[in-house]
Structures are given as structure tokens and as C-alpha cells.
Amino acid sequence: MSIGNSPEDERPFEDDRAEAGHSIGHALRQARIAAGLTVDDVTNATRVRIAIVHAIEADDFAPCGGDVYARGHIRTLAKAVHLDPAPLLARYDAEHGGRPAPTPAAPLFEAERIRPDRRGPNWTAAMVAAIVAVIGFVGFTAFKGGDDNGAKTQVAEGSTPSTSKAASPTPKSSKSDNPKSNPSDSAIAAAPQDKVTVQVSAADGRSWISAKDHNGRLLFDGLLKQGDSKTFQDSEKINLVLGDAGAIQLYVNGKKIEDDFQPGAVERLTYTKGDPQVG
């Protein structure tokens, strides 16, 4: 028999029910018990760690790592126990200084406008510029070489080295015709075809992430700081949980996942060898 983990062992006294409207954690705990769920059940359903579930039910939001994460966890747990998250979020905002200040919205929207540029430079324009430069260089060299040949012929007839010099610039055009490829694009394109490869990057902020393989084995469970990235690979599929999906940029099997995840949103995703597509 499990001690302290059964819903029946956690049923409240009458005075506890009277206080249900005064505490976020108490409301979540009571709703969980009413739904006949244990903390383990909630953790398995939401991927929120057991320690964080216990802390939130005790009205301790420090382990969440900030207001954005705390609001995301409250929303996720409330949905798992069939509770409307809106009143709980309003209560959290009232008790912790209101919703996060709107000023960071400008950088977030700016990031959304800038994000498509991460696909890489405009290679079409670069190639056109390279071809124009090559044509100009070859024409200038041929013209200059012709003048040199004429002058050398007047000074010393029959000298032949000038013709070989005029022809020497020609191989340079083959170098310039091939623009330098993006190393990161080449690395992504080299993803094995017989496996699923997922790269997770904290491009717009930090986020807690969890990754498991097709057997349910935990590959990673921790916090990615801004600028950090992790790559996961499996023969069949990768299961992901993103604590703040709005801060994450995904590449699956060499292709970028275009998403509209919101800041603070918790997302559970699955990718296979046939993706990119959200599982």
C-alpha cells in the first residue's frame, strides 16, 4: 500500500474545504483528490516533475524558476485535474504583483519578425553578385591582357609567355561560381535517413525541456539557457516536453519546424523518421 500517495489518504477535513478558495495550491490539490488522481498520475499526464507538483500544491512557486514558468505549470496542472485555470492565474497575478510586465512583448514580437531570417542568407542574390563579379573580372583581365600582348609584340616580336598569362585567370571563375555553403546547413542536411534527429535550441530565452526515446528512456531532463542547444537521435521516435515552447527553436530531420508556440506555453511533442510534422 502506497503511503501518502493515494487520493483517499489526502481527502480534506471540512475546515480544509472552507479554505479551498484562498489558496492556489489547495485548490489544485483538492481538485486532484476529487478526480481520484495521485501526484504520480498528474506527473505522468503532464510531465511536470513530482517535486514541482508537491511544491505548487504547498503554494511554493520558487522551484518553478520564475513567474512565466509558474503560470505555465499552474495552467497545465489545472487542466489535468479538470479545473478552470483562469481564476487560479488571476489569483497568482494578484498575489505576485500582477501579470509579467508587457514591456518584454516588444522584443518577443521583434524576435518573431526576425526569426524567418534565421533560414540563412539569400543565396540567389549572392550567386548573381558573384557571377557579375566574375564576368567583370574576366572581361577586365582579358582587356588588360590584350593590351599587354600588343605592347610586348612591339618591343619583342614572337614572345609567347604573354598568351599563357592572359589565359591564367580563367580557372578563377570556377571557384567564384560556387558560393560557400553554410556549415550549419550542411551539418543538418547530413542527418541519417534511417533515424529521427531532433535539435532543440533555446533561441529566445531559457526553457526546461525533457526528451525520451521510443522505449521511454529519459535522454535529457533539465534547463536550457539562452543560446544552448541539445541534439537527440533515435531509431524510431523522440518524445519532447517543452516548459516554455515560445523560447525554443526546433530542427527535425534537417528541417526547421515553423511554429507559433506562445511564451510560457508547455508543449508535448513527438517526432518520427517521417517528420517534420508535430506528433
C-alpha atoms as a PDB file:
ATOM      1  CA  MET A   1       0.000   0.000   0.000  1.00  0.00           C
ATOM      2  CA  SER A   2       1.415   3.431  -1.041  1.00  0.00           C
ATOM      3  CA  ILE A   3       1.714   5.819   1.893  1.00  0.00           C
ATOM      4  CA  GLY A   4       0.872   9.463   1.328  1.00  0.00           C
ATOM      5  CA  ASN A   5       0.263   8.973  -2.427  1.00  0.00           C
ATOM      6  CA  SER A   6      -3.316   7.681  -2.550  1.00  0.00           C
ATOM      7  CA  PRO A   7      -6.124  10.183  -3.204  1.00  0.00           C
ATOM      8  CA  GLU A   8      -8.134   8.615  -0.384  1.00  0.00           C
ATOM      9  CA  ASP A   9      -5.335   9.400   2.106  1.00  0.00           C
ATOM     10  CA  GLU A  10      -5.362  13.041   1.104  1.00  0.00           C
ATOM     11  CA  ARG A  11      -9.069  13.811   1.425  1.00  0.00           C
ATOM     12  CA  PRO A  12      -9.593  17.072   3.358  1.00  0.00           C
ATOM     13  CA  PHE A  13     -11.361  17.822   6.602  1.00  0.00           C
ATOM     14  CA  GLU A  14     -14.387  20.058   6.484  1.00  0.00           C
ATOM     15  CA  ASP A  15     -12.353  23.157   7.507  1.00  0.00           C
ATOM     16  CA  ASP A  16      -9.936  22.448   4.670  1.00  0.00           C
ATOM     17  CA  ARG A  17     -12.788  22.668   2.188  1.00  0.00           C
ATOM     18  CA  ALA A  18     -13.701  26.057   3.575  1.00  0.00           C
ATOM     19  CA  GLU A  19     -10.244  27.382   2.696  1.00  0.00           C
ATOM     20  CA  ALA A  20     -10.233  25.997  -0.876  1.00  0.00           C
ATOM     21  CA  GLY A  21     -10.923  29.417  -2.380  1.00  0.00           C
ATOM     22  CA  HIS A  22      -7.999  31.102  -0.636  1.00  0.00           C
ATOM     23  CA  SER A  23      -5.035  29.098  -1.935  1.00  0.00           C
ATOM     24  CA  ILE A  24      -3.918  28.116  -5.455  1.00  0.00           C
ATOM     25  CA  GLY A  25      -2.109  25.026  -4.235  1.00  0.00           C
ATOM     26  CA  HIS A  26      -5.016  23.987  -2.032  1.00  0.00           C
ATOM     27  CA  ALA A  27      -7.469  24.332  -4.936  1.00  0.00           C
ATOM     28  CA  LEU A  28      -5.254  22.233  -7.223  1.00  0.00           C
ATOM     29  CA  ARG A  29      -4.761  19.579  -4.549  1.00  0.00           C
ATOM     30  CA  GLN A  30      -8.471  19.343  -3.775  1.00  0.00           C
ATOM     31  CA  ALA A  31      -9.351  19.091  -7.468  1.00  0.00           C
ATOM     32  CA  ARG A  32      -6.763  16.335  -7.940  1.00  0.00           C
ATOM     33  CA  ILE A  33      -8.163  14.373  -4.996  1.00  0.00           C
ATOM     34  CA  ALA A  34     -11.721  14.865  -6.240  1.00  0.00           C
ATOM     35  CA  ALA A  35     -10.641  13.491  -9.624  1.00  0.00           C
ATOM     36  CA  GLY A  36      -9.196  10.395  -7.916  1.00  0.00           C
ATOM     37  CA  LEU A  37      -5.645  11.156  -9.081  1.00  0.00           C
ATOM     38  CA  THR A  38      -2.330  10.768  -7.269  1.00  0.00           C
ATOM     39  CA  VAL A  39       0.665  13.053  -7.669  1.00  0.00           C
ATOM     40  CA  ASP A  40       2.270  10.319  -9.783  1.00  0.00           C
ATOM     41  CA  ASP A  41      -0.802  10.267 -12.036  1.00  0.00           C
ATOM     42  CA  VAL A  42      -0.599  14.033 -12.555  1.00  0.00           C
ATOM     43  CA  THR A  43       3.148  13.877 -13.235  1.00  0.00           C
ATOM     44  CA  ASN A  44       2.737  11.142 -15.828  1.00  0.00           C
ATOM     45  CA  ALA A  45      -0.050  13.068 -17.552  1.00  0.00           C
ATOM     46  CA  THR A  46       1.644  16.487 -17.587  1.00  0.00           C
ATOM     47  CA  ARG A  47       5.388  15.698 -17.453  1.00  0.00           C
ATOM     48  CA  VAL A  48       5.643  18.213 -14.585  1.00  0.00           C
ATOM     49  CA  ARG A  49       8.114  16.768 -12.087  1.00  0.00           C
ATOM     50  CA  ILE A  50       6.828  15.334  -8.811  1.00  0.00           C
ATOM     51  CA  ALA A  51       8.833  17.800  -6.719  1.00  0.00           C
ATOM     52  CA  ILE A  52       7.297  20.762  -8.557  1.00  0.00           C
ATOM     53  CA  VAL A  53       3.748  19.359  -8.205  1.00  0.00           C
ATOM     54  CA  HIS A  54       4.240  18.958  -4.445  1.00  0.00           C
ATOM     55  CA  ALA A  55       5.741  22.486  -4.188  1.00  0.00           C
ATOM     56  CA  ILE A  56       2.858  24.121  -6.093  1.00  0.00           C
ATOM     57  CA  GLU A  57       0.253  22.286  -4.006  1.00  0.00           C
ATOM     58  CA  ALA A  58       2.063  23.718  -0.962  1.00  0.00           C
ATOM     59  CA  ASP A  59       1.894  27.232  -2.565  1.00  0.00           C
ATOM     60  CA  ASP A  60       5.678  27.270  -3.021  1.00  0.00           C
ATOM     61  CA  PHE A  61       6.375  28.541  -6.558  1.00  0.00           C
ATOM     62  CA  ALA A  62      10.129  29.120  -6.171  1.00  0.00           C
ATOM     63  CA  PRO A  63      11.100  25.731  -7.758  1.00  0.00           C
ATOM     64  CA  CYS A  64       9.233  26.764 -10.929  1.00  0.00           C
ATOM     65  CA  GLY A  65      12.068  29.120 -11.860  1.00  0.00           C
ATOM     66  CA  GLY A  66      10.085  32.329 -12.407  1.00  0.00           C
ATOM     67  CA  ASP A  67       6.601  33.762 -12.954  1.00  0.00           C
ATOM     68  CA  VAL A  68       6.376  32.648 -16.603  1.00  0.00           C
ATOM     69  CA  TYR A  69       7.141  29.024 -15.690  1.00  0.00           C
ATOM     70  CA  ALA A  70       4.895  29.141 -12.603  1.00  0.00           C
ATOM     71  CA  ARG A  71       1.937  30.372 -14.664  1.00  0.00           C
ATOM     72  CA  GLY A  72       2.594  27.668 -17.261  1.00  0.00           C
ATOM     73  CA  HIS A  73       2.688  24.927 -14.612  1.00  0.00           C
ATOM     74  CA  ILE A  74      -0.491  26.218 -12.939  1.00  0.00           C
ATOM     75  CA  ARG A  75      -2.303  26.187 -16.286  1.00  0.00           C
ATOM     76  CA  THR A  76      -1.075  22.655 -17.087  1.00  0.00           C
ATOM     77  CA  LEU A  77      -1.925  21.189 -13.672  1.00  0.00           C
ATOM     78  CA  ALA A  78      -5.361  22.826 -13.618  1.00  0.00           C
ATOM     79  CA  LYS A  79      -6.272  21.271 -16.976  1.00  0.00           C
ATOM     80  CA  ALA A  80      -5.026  17.868 -15.800  1.00  0.00           C
ATOM     81  CA  VAL A  81      -7.372  17.907 -12.785  1.00  0.00           C
ATOM     82  CA  HIS A  82     -10.317  19.358 -14.782  1.00  0.00           C
ATOM     83  CA  LEU A  83     -10.116  22.800 -13.171  1.00  0.00           C
ATOM     84  CA  ASP A  84     -10.556  26.160 -14.930  1.00  0.00           C
ATOM     85  CA  PRO A  85      -7.056  27.739 -14.885  1.00  0.00           C
ATOM     86  CA  ALA A  86      -8.261  31.351 -15.382  1.00  0.00           C
ATOM     87  CA  PRO A  87      -9.273  32.072 -11.741  1.00  0.00           C
ATOM     88  CA  LEU A  88      -6.059  30.453 -10.456  1.00  0.00           C
ATOM     89  CA  LEU A  89      -3.903  32.528 -12.814  1.00  0.00           C
ATOM     90  CA  ALA A  90      -5.765  35.690 -11.801  1.00  0.00           C
ATOM     91  CA  ARG A  91      -5.173  34.824  -8.136  1.00  0.00           C
ATOM     92  CA  TYR A  92      -1.480  34.155  -8.825  1.00  0.00           C
ATOM     93  CA  ASP A  93      -1.128  37.524 -10.595  1.00  0.00           C
ATOM     94  CA  ALA A  94      -2.840  39.299  -7.696  1.00  0.00           C
ATOM     95  CA  GLU A  95      -0.568  37.635  -5.125  1.00  0.00           C
ATOM     96  CA  HIS A  96       2.679  38.057  -7.075  1.00  0.00           C
ATOM     97  CA  GLY A  97       2.491  41.578  -8.430  1.00  0.00           C
ATOM     98  CA  GLY A  98       0.279  41.092 -11.475  1.00  0.00           C
ATOM     99  CA  ARG A  99       0.969  39.585 -14.873  1.00  0.00           C
ATOM    100  CA  PRO A 100       4.535  39.852 -16.218  1.00  0.00           C
ATOM    101  CA  ALA A 101       5.176  43.394 -17.421  1.00  0.00           C
ATOM    102  CA  PRO A 102       4.106  43.957 -21.058  1.00  0.00           C
ATOM    103  CA  THR A 103       7.410  45.644 -21.950  1.00  0.00           C
ATOM    104  CA  PRO A 104       9.122  42.370 -22.945  1.00  0.00           C
ATOM    105  CA  ALA A 105       6.438  41.956 -25.622  1.00  0.00           C
ATOM    106  CA  ALA A 106       8.362  44.291 -27.951  1.00  0.00           C
ATOM    107  CA  PRO A 107      11.474  42.070 -28.038  1.00  0.00           C
ATOM    108  CA  LEU A 108       9.260  38.991 -28.432  1.00  0.00           C
ATOM    109  CA  PHE A 109       7.420  40.453 -31.418  1.00  0.00           C
ATOM    110  CA  GLU A 110      10.707  41.691 -32.796  1.00  0.00           C
ATOM    111  CA  ALA A 111      12.058  38.171 -32.467  1.00  0.00           C
ATOM    112  CA  GLU A 112       9.069  36.861 -34.414  1.00  0.00           C
ATOM    113  CA  ARG A 113       9.786  39.302 -37.238  1.00  0.00           C
ATOM    114  CA  ILE A 114      13.460  38.449 -37.247  1.00  0.00           C
ATOM    115  CA  ARG A 115      13.019  34.679 -36.859  1.00  0.00           C
ATOM    116  CA  PRO A 116      12.473  33.907 -40.603  1.00  0.00           C
ATOM    117  CA  ASP A 117      15.869  35.466 -41.344  1.00  0.00           C
ATOM    118  CA  ARG A 118      17.493  32.550 -39.495  1.00  0.00           C
ATOM    119  CA  ARG A 119      16.873  30.395 -42.534  1.00  0.00           C
ATOM    120  CA  GLY A 120      20.154  31.704 -43.892  1.00  0.00           C
ATOM    121  CA  PRO A 121      21.451  34.327 -46.291  1.00  0.00           C
ATOM    122  CA  ASN A 122      19.835  34.982 -49.679  1.00  0.00           C
ATOM    123  CA  TRP A 123      21.989  32.694 -51.804  1.00  0.00           C
ATOM    124  CA  THR A 124      20.215  33.706 -55.025  1.00  0.00           C
ATOM    125  CA  ALA A 125      21.291  37.330 -54.646  1.00  0.00           C
ATOM    126  CA  ALA A 126      24.760  36.239 -53.559  1.00  0.00           C
ATOM    127  CA  MET A 127      25.151  33.995 -56.618  1.00  0.00           C
ATOM    128  CA  VAL A 128      24.010  36.748 -59.001  1.00  0.00           C
ATOM    129  CA  ALA A 129      26.502  39.148 -57.417  1.00  0.00           C
ATOM    130  CA  ALA A 130      29.259  36.517 -57.706  1.00  0.00           C
ATOM    131  CA  ILE A 131      28.525  35.886 -61.394  1.00  0.00           C
ATOM    132  CA  VAL A 132      28.517  39.617 -62.162  1.00  0.00           C
ATOM    133  CA  ALA A 133      31.840  39.979 -60.326  1.00  0.00           C
ATOM    134  CA  VAL A 134      33.349  37.046 -62.244  1.00  0.00           C
ATOM    135  CA  ILE A 135      32.200  38.383 -65.628  1.00  0.00           C
ATOM    136  CA  GLY A 136      33.591  41.809 -64.788  1.00  0.00           C
ATOM    137  CA  PHE A 137      36.873  40.336 -63.577  1.00  0.00           C
ATOM    138  CA  VAL A 138      37.297  38.106 -66.667  1.00  0.00           C
ATOM    139  CA  GLY A 139      36.444  40.960 -69.032  1.00  0.00           C
ATOM    140  CA  PHE A 140      38.843  43.332 -67.301  1.00  0.00           C
ATOM    141  CA  THR A 141      41.601  40.700 -67.283  1.00  0.00           C
ATOM    142  CA  ALA A 142      41.092  39.861 -70.975  1.00  0.00           C
ATOM    143  CA  PHE A 143      41.145  43.532 -71.899  1.00  0.00           C
ATOM    144  CA  LYS A 144      44.258  44.186 -69.840  1.00  0.00           C
ATOM    145  CA  GLY A 145      45.920  41.024 -71.191  1.00  0.00           C
ATOM    146  CA  GLY A 146      45.226  42.153 -74.774  1.00  0.00           C
ATOM    147  CA  ASP A 147      46.947  45.499 -74.178  1.00  0.00           C
ATOM    148  CA  ASP A 148      49.955  43.742 -72.620  1.00  0.00           C
ATOM    149  CA  ASN A 149      50.264  41.379 -75.597  1.00  0.00           C
ATOM    150  CA  GLY A 150      50.225  44.266 -78.065  1.00  0.00           C
ATOM    151  CA  ALA A 151      52.905  46.164 -76.172  1.00  0.00           C
ATOM    152  CA  LYS A 152      55.139  43.127 -75.854  1.00  0.00           C
ATOM    153  CA  THR A 153      54.735  42.354 -79.564  1.00  0.00           C
ATOM    154  CA  GLN A 154      56.009  45.832 -80.476  1.00  0.00           C
ATOM    155  CA  VAL A 155      59.005  45.521 -78.185  1.00  0.00           C
ATOM    156  CA  ALA A 156      59.946  41.888 -78.888  1.00  0.00           C
ATOM    157  CA  GLU A 157      58.101  40.057 -81.617  1.00  0.00           C
ATOM    158  CA  GLY A 158      57.498  36.358 -81.155  1.00  0.00           C
ATOM    159  CA  SER A 159      57.456  36.374 -77.352  1.00  0.00           C
ATOM    160  CA  THR A 160      54.823  33.820 -76.275  1.00  0.00           C
ATOM    161  CA  PRO A 161      54.633  33.959 -72.418  1.00  0.00           C
ATOM    162  CA  SER A 162      52.024  36.744 -72.575  1.00  0.00           C
ATOM    163  CA  THR A 163      49.390  34.387 -74.082  1.00  0.00           C
ATOM    164  CA  SER A 164      49.688  31.916 -71.196  1.00  0.00           C
ATOM    165  CA  LYS A 165      49.385  34.728 -68.663  1.00  0.00           C
ATOM    166  CA  ALA A 166      46.211  36.008 -70.282  1.00  0.00           C
ATOM    167  CA  ALA A 167      44.638  32.566 -70.041  1.00  0.00           C
ATOM    168  CA  SER A 168      45.592  32.019 -66.390  1.00  0.00           C
ATOM    169  CA  PRO A 169      42.704  33.973 -64.750  1.00  0.00           C
ATOM    170  CA  THR A 170      40.109  31.651 -66.368  1.00  0.00           C
ATOM    171  CA  PRO A 171      40.164  28.939 -63.600  1.00  0.00           C
ATOM    172  CA  LYS A 172      39.219  31.580 -61.005  1.00  0.00           C
ATOM    173  CA  SER A 173      35.705  31.704 -62.442  1.00  0.00           C
ATOM    174  CA  SER A 174      35.077  28.094 -61.400  1.00  0.00           C
ATOM    175  CA  LYS A 175      35.897  28.977 -57.761  1.00  0.00           C
ATOM    176  CA  SER A 176      33.656  32.018 -57.705  1.00  0.00           C
ATOM    177  CA  ASP A 177      30.737  30.185 -59.310  1.00  0.00           C
ATOM    178  CA  ASN A 178      30.300  28.042 -56.175  1.00  0.00           C
ATOM    179  CA  PRO A 179      29.282  30.201 -53.186  1.00  0.00           C
ATOM    180  CA  LYS A 180      30.499  28.958 -49.823  1.00  0.00           C
ATOM    181  CA  SER A 181      27.867  26.806 -48.214  1.00  0.00           C
ATOM    182  CA  ASN A 182      26.581  27.366 -44.721  1.00  0.00           C
ATOM    183  CA  PRO A 183      28.347  24.843 -42.421  1.00  0.00           C
ATOM    184  CA  SER A 184      25.326  24.541 -40.164  1.00  0.00           C
ATOM    185  CA  ASP A 185      23.031  23.777 -43.137  1.00  0.00           C
ATOM    186  CA  SER A 186      25.431  21.058 -44.303  1.00  0.00           C
ATOM    187  CA  ALA A 187      25.533  19.504 -40.836  1.00  0.00           C
ATOM    188  CA  ILE A 188      21.734  19.459 -40.612  1.00  0.00           C
ATOM    189  CA  ALA A 189      21.401  18.027 -44.130  1.00  0.00           C
ATOM    190  CA  ALA A 190      23.721  15.177 -43.097  1.00  0.00           C
ATOM    191  CA  ALA A 191      21.148  13.808 -40.603  1.00  0.00           C
ATOM    192  CA  PRO A 192      20.851   9.999 -41.042  1.00  0.00           C
ATOM    193  CA  GLN A 193      17.828   8.974 -43.097  1.00  0.00           C
ATOM    194  CA  ASP A 194      17.219   5.803 -41.075  1.00  0.00           C
ATOM    195  CA  LYS A 195      16.861   7.655 -37.760  1.00  0.00           C
ATOM    196  CA  VAL A 196      14.961  10.591 -36.302  1.00  0.00           C
ATOM    197  CA  THR A 197      17.199  13.512 -35.336  1.00  0.00           C
ATOM    198  CA  VAL A 198      15.846  16.427 -33.247  1.00  0.00           C
ATOM    199  CA  GLN A 199      17.842  19.562 -32.412  1.00  0.00           C
ATOM    200  CA  VAL A 200      16.430  21.797 -29.647  1.00  0.00           C
ATOM    201  CA  SER A 201      17.831  25.339 -29.265  1.00  0.00           C
ATOM    202  CA  ALA A 202      16.911  27.930 -26.622  1.00  0.00           C
ATOM    203  CA  ALA A 203      16.977  30.797 -29.145  1.00  0.00           C
ATOM    204  CA  ASP A 204      14.734  33.354 -27.415  1.00  0.00           C
ATOM    205  CA  GLY A 205      15.264  32.618 -23.715  1.00  0.00           C
ATOM    206  CA  ARG A 206      15.733  29.746 -21.306  1.00  0.00           C
ATOM    207  CA  SER A 207      13.411  26.766 -21.090  1.00  0.00           C
ATOM    208  CA  TRP A 208      13.142  23.478 -19.211  1.00  0.00           C
ATOM    209  CA  ILE A 209      12.972  20.513 -21.595  1.00  0.00           C
ATOM    210  CA  SER A 210      12.578  16.738 -21.321  1.00  0.00           C
ATOM    211  CA  ALA A 211      13.407  14.195 -24.065  1.00  0.00           C
ATOM    212  CA  LYS A 212      12.735  10.429 -24.223  1.00  0.00           C
ATOM    213  CA  ASP A 213      13.409   7.752 -26.844  1.00  0.00           C
ATOM    214  CA  HIS A 214      10.837   5.306 -28.266  1.00  0.00           C
ATOM    215  CA  ASN A 215      11.360   2.964 -25.278  1.00  0.00           C
ATOM    216  CA  GLY A 216      10.547   5.745 -22.805  1.00  0.00           C
ATOM    217  CA  ARG A 217      14.185   6.019 -21.714  1.00  0.00           C
ATOM    218  CA  LEU A 218      14.991   9.535 -20.478  1.00  0.00           C
ATOM    219  CA  LEU A 219      17.594  11.206 -22.712  1.00  0.00           C
ATOM    220  CA  PHE A 220      17.588  14.630 -21.030  1.00  0.00           C
ATOM    221  CA  ASP A 221      15.687  16.453 -18.291  1.00  0.00           C
ATOM    222  CA  GLY A 222      16.906  19.921 -17.404  1.00  0.00           C
ATOM    223  CA  LEU A 223      17.103  23.631 -18.163  1.00  0.00           C
ATOM    224  CA  LEU A 224      18.479  25.031 -21.423  1.00  0.00           C
ATOM    225  CA  LYS A 225      19.902  28.519 -21.036  1.00  0.00           C
ATOM    226  CA  GLN A 226      19.532  31.038 -23.861  1.00  0.00           C
ATOM    227  CA  GLY A 227      21.922  30.116 -26.661  1.00  0.00           C
ATOM    228  CA  ASP A 228      22.256  26.468 -25.557  1.00  0.00           C
ATOM    229  CA  SER A 229      21.165  23.570 -27.762  1.00  0.00           C
ATOM    230  CA  LYS A 230      20.747  19.806 -27.494  1.00  0.00           C
ATOM    231  CA  THR A 231      20.523  17.152 -30.226  1.00  0.00           C
ATOM    232  CA  PHE A 232      18.661  13.854 -29.716  1.00  0.00           C
ATOM    233  CA  GLN A 233      18.593  10.816 -32.016  1.00  0.00           C
ATOM    234  CA  ASP A 234      16.638   7.559 -32.016  1.00  0.00           C
ATOM    235  CA  SER A 235      15.831   4.776 -34.459  1.00  0.00           C
ATOM    236  CA  GLU A 236      12.055   5.369 -34.270  1.00  0.00           C
ATOM    237  CA  LYS A 237      10.868   8.485 -32.418  1.00  0.00           C
ATOM    238  CA  ILE A 238      11.723  11.252 -29.950  1.00  0.00           C
ATOM    239  CA  ASN A 239       9.211  12.443 -27.311  1.00  0.00           C
ATOM    240  CA  LEU A 240       9.666  16.054 -26.173  1.00  0.00           C
ATOM    241  CA  VAL A 241       8.212  18.227 -23.409  1.00  0.00           C
ATOM    242  CA  LEU A 242       8.948  21.962 -23.626  1.00  0.00           C
ATOM    243  CA  GLY A 243       8.461  24.048 -20.471  1.00  0.00           C
ATOM    244  CA  ASP A 244       8.483  27.354 -22.398  1.00  0.00           C
ATOM    245  CA  ALA A 245       7.820  26.461 -26.031  1.00  0.00           C
ATOM    246  CA  GLY A 246       7.915  30.098 -27.139  1.00  0.00           C
ATOM    247  CA  ALA A 247      11.649  30.255 -26.399  1.00  0.00           C
ATOM    248  CA  ILE A 248      12.524  27.100 -28.366  1.00  0.00           C
ATOM    249  CA  GLN A 249      13.630  26.634 -31.991  1.00  0.00           C
ATOM    250  CA  LEU A 250      13.382  23.080 -33.422  1.00  0.00           C
ATOM    251  CA  TYR A 251      15.088  21.313 -36.298  1.00  0.00           C
ATOM    252  CA  VAL A 252      13.719  17.840 -37.121  1.00  0.00           C
ATOM    253  CA  ASN A 253      15.494  15.574 -39.607  1.00  0.00           C
ATOM    254  CA  GLY A 254      17.378  18.552 -41.008  1.00  0.00           C
ATOM    255  CA  LYS A 255      14.333  20.833 -41.402  1.00  0.00           C
ATOM    256  CA  LYS A 256      13.271  23.782 -39.266  1.00  0.00           C
ATOM    257  CA  ILE A 257       9.874  23.463 -37.539  1.00  0.00           C
ATOM    258  CA  GLU A 258       7.864  26.640 -38.092  1.00  0.00           C
ATOM    259  CA  ASP A 259       5.660  27.034 -35.016  1.00  0.00           C
ATOM    260  CA  ASP A 260       3.512  29.619 -33.281  1.00  0.00           C
ATOM    261  CA  PHE A 261       4.166  28.487 -29.704  1.00  0.00           C
ATOM    262  CA  GLN A 262       3.381  31.153 -27.138  1.00  0.00           C
ATOM    263  CA  PRO A 263       5.795  32.274 -24.370  1.00  0.00           C
ATOM    264  CA  GLY A 264       5.214  30.232 -21.226  1.00  0.00           C
ATOM    265  CA  ALA A 265       3.233  27.522 -23.058  1.00  0.00           C
ATOM    266  CA  VAL A 266       4.006  23.904 -22.139  1.00  0.00           C
ATOM    267  CA  GLU A 267       4.067  21.660 -25.234  1.00  0.00           C
ATOM    268  CA  ARG A 268       4.329  17.864 -25.561  1.00  0.00           C
ATOM    269  CA  LEU A 269       5.588  16.781 -28.997  1.00  0.00           C
ATOM    270  CA  THR A 270       6.535  13.538 -30.776  1.00  0.00           C
ATOM    271  CA  TYR A 271       8.683  13.328 -33.913  1.00  0.00           C
ATOM    272  CA  THR A 272       9.454  10.292 -36.111  1.00  0.00           C
ATOM    273  CA  LYS A 273      11.594   9.496 -39.163  1.00  0.00           C
ATOM    274  CA  GLY A 274       8.817  10.699 -41.482  1.00  0.00           C
ATOM    275  CA  ASP A 275       8.589  14.185 -39.965  1.00  0.00           C
ATOM    276  CA  PRO A 276       8.795  17.187 -39.746  1.00  0.00           C
ATOM    277  CA  GLN A 277       5.273  17.210 -38.528  1.00  0.00           C
ATOM    278  CA  VAL A 278       4.013  17.641 -34.975  1.00  0.00           C
ATOM    279  CA  GLY A 279       3.219  14.261 -33.443  1.00  0.00           C
END
